[in-house]
């Protein structure tokens, strides 16, 4: 199981409900503000690289949520990636949406992905969610 908490244990009905929650959280006012802020934070990164599986790895490479926290002036090291409710509160979004962002950040594509590739993929995904242009 990943830090997003997703697993293969969901049945079809649960998965359908979950996708509905994510869709609603993404399209709502808070979700749209979140995605616009995430794009802004990613664009502001001097080093356009994203890590995975941790908020901040040993080399200092951050995930998307950590990059947003840092952009907002918070210390990303204090974020617990397994405390979904706190992450939702931190970013003023549904905790399910925080988990979805971690999933997208960490899972990547089936090909080998560099931190630069991950940055571009996540930036474009967040922009798509907010109806903004791709990088």
Foldseek 3Di string as FASTA:
>chain_A
DALLPDDPPDDPVRVVVLVVLLLCQLPDPLNLVLLVLLLVLCVPDPDNFADARAQADPVRHGFSLNSSCVVVVHHSVVDDSNPLVVSCVSSVTHSSNSSVSNCLLHPPDPDDAGRNNSSQVSSQVSCVSNVHDHD
